[in-house]
C-alpha atoms as a PDB file:
ATOM      1  CA  UNK A   1       0.000   0.000   0.000  1.00  0.00           C
ATOM      2  CA  UNK A   2       1.161   3.512  -0.702  1.00  0.00           C
ATOM      3  CA  UNK A   3      -0.386   6.639   0.778  1.00  0.00           C
ATOM      4  CA  UNK A   4      -3.670   4.847   1.557  1.00  0.00           C
ATOM      5  CA  UNK A   5      -6.269   6.652   3.652  1.00  0.00           C
ATOM      6  CA  UNK A   6      -7.324   4.536   6.651  1.00  0.00           C
ATOM      7  CA  UNK A   7      -5.383   1.408   5.629  1.00  0.00           C
ATOM      8  CA  UNK A   8      -6.672  -0.718   8.536  1.00  0.00           C
ATOM      9  CA  UNK A   9     -10.148   0.118   9.773  1.00  0.00           C
ATOM     10  CA  UNK A  10     -13.141  -1.457  11.466  1.00  0.00           C
ATOM     11  CA  UNK A  11     -15.997   0.997  11.942  1.00  0.00           C
ATOM     12  CA  UNK A  12     -19.179  -0.437  13.402  1.00  0.00           C
ATOM     13  CA  UNK A  13     -20.451   3.098  14.010  1.00  0.00           C
ATOM     14  CA  UNK A  14     -20.218   4.263  10.373  1.00  0.00           C
ATOM     15  CA  UNK A  15     -22.992   6.709   9.532  1.00  0.00           C
ATOM     16  CA  UNK A  16     -22.744   8.496   6.154  1.00  0.00           C
ATOM     17  CA  UNK A  17     -23.176  12.254   6.632  1.00  0.00           C
ATOM     18  CA  UNK A  18     -24.514  11.555  10.159  1.00  0.00           C
ATOM     19  CA  UNK A  19     -28.013  11.246   8.728  1.00  0.00           C
ATOM     20  CA  UNK A  20     -30.558   8.628   9.722  1.00  0.00           C
ATOM     21  CA  UNK A  21     -28.298   6.679  12.033  1.00  0.00           C
ATOM     22  CA  UNK A  22     -26.458   8.784  14.645  1.00  0.00           C
ATOM     23  CA  UNK A  23     -26.073   6.928  17.956  1.00  0.00           C
ATOM     24  CA  UNK A  24     -27.519   3.786  16.370  1.00  0.00           C
ATOM     25  CA  UNK A  25     -25.889   0.646  17.733  1.00  0.00           C
ATOM     26  CA  UNK A  26     -24.459  -2.002  15.445  1.00  0.00           C
ATOM     27  CA  UNK A  27     -26.268  -5.312  15.067  1.00  0.00           C
ATOM     28  CA  UNK A  28     -23.234  -6.894  13.417  1.00  0.00           C
ATOM     29  CA  UNK A  29     -20.714  -8.771  15.561  1.00  0.00           C
ATOM     30  CA  UNK A  30     -17.132  -8.558  14.284  1.00  0.00           C
ATOM     31  CA  UNK A  31     -14.809 -11.259  15.587  1.00  0.00           C
ATOM     32  CA  UNK A  32     -11.810 -13.376  14.703  1.00  0.00           C
ATOM     33  CA  UNK A  33     -10.286 -10.927  12.188  1.00  0.00           C
ATOM     34  CA  UNK A  34      -6.554 -11.096  11.427  1.00  0.00           C
ATOM     35  CA  UNK A  35      -4.606  -8.418   9.561  1.00  0.00           C
ATOM     36  CA  UNK A  36      -1.334 -10.031   8.471  1.00  0.00           C
ATOM     37  CA  UNK A  37       1.739  -9.017   6.442  1.00  0.00           C
ATOM     38  CA  UNK A  38       0.606  -5.474   5.634  1.00  0.00           C
ATOM     39  CA  UNK A  39       3.255  -2.969   4.581  1.00  0.00           C
ATOM     40  CA  UNK A  40       3.178   0.548   3.234  1.00  0.00           C
ATOM     41  CA  UNK A  41       2.381   4.137   4.039  1.00  0.00           C
ATOM     42  CA  UNK A  42      -0.719   5.780   5.421  1.00  0.00           C
ATOM     43  CA  UNK A  43      -2.187   8.922   3.879  1.00  0.00           C
ATOM     44  CA  UNK A  44      -3.905   9.731   7.190  1.00  0.00           C
ATOM     45  CA  UNK A  45      -2.400  10.455  10.624  1.00  0.00           C
ATOM     46  CA  UNK A  46      -3.989   7.307  12.085  1.00  0.00           C
ATOM     47  CA  UNK A  47      -3.154   4.174  10.124  1.00  0.00           C
ATOM     48  CA  UNK A  48      -5.158   1.810  12.337  1.00  0.00           C
ATOM     49  CA  UNK A  49      -8.685   2.540  13.587  1.00  0.00           C
ATOM     50  CA  UNK A  50     -11.004   0.226  15.479  1.00  0.00           C
ATOM     51  CA  UNK A  51     -14.340   1.884  16.285  1.00  0.00           C
ATOM     52  CA  UNK A  52     -16.314  -0.971  17.775  1.00  0.00           C
ATOM     53  CA  UNK A  53     -19.900  -0.867  18.963  1.00  0.00           C
ATOM     54  CA  UNK A  54     -20.521  -0.940  22.720  1.00  0.00           C
ATOM     55  CA  UNK A  55     -23.548  -3.209  22.189  1.00  0.00           C
ATOM     56  CA  UNK A  56     -21.702  -5.703  19.919  1.00  0.00           C
ATOM     57  CA  UNK A  57     -18.013  -5.197  20.729  1.00  0.00           C
ATOM     58  CA  UNK A  58     -15.264  -6.480  18.466  1.00  0.00           C
ATOM     59  CA  UNK A  59     -13.320  -9.489  19.712  1.00  0.00           C
ATOM     60  CA  UNK A  60     -10.393 -11.563  18.551  1.00  0.00           C
ATOM     61  CA  UNK A  61      -8.849  -8.819  16.392  1.00  0.00           C
ATOM     62  CA  UNK A  62      -5.195  -9.627  15.631  1.00  0.00           C
ATOM     63  CA  UNK A  63      -2.442  -7.599  13.980  1.00  0.00           C
ATOM     64  CA  UNK A  64       0.539  -9.625  12.775  1.00  0.00           C
ATOM     65  CA  UNK A  65       3.630  -8.320  10.994  1.00  0.00           C
ATOM     66  CA  UNK A  66       2.216  -4.842  10.276  1.00  0.00           C
ATOM     67  CA  UNK A  67       4.638  -2.173   9.044  1.00  0.00           C
ATOM     68  CA  UNK A  68       2.873   1.094   8.218  1.00  0.00           C
ATOM     69  CA  UNK A  69       4.426   4.553   8.322  1.00  0.00           C
END
């Protein structure tokens, strides 16, 4: 990856333009996700973002051999 915006992201609270869904909780459970052997540069200050839902929290998220600058 080169100059990628948000190269590693999980966003259970995504709400386009904050219309129709603000403060809505996620009904989707995200678990057992592995990001492995990812290299490159991030076009955003935060290369890794996990925004998990309080009602269905993420679990078993693994990062292995990640090299992002």
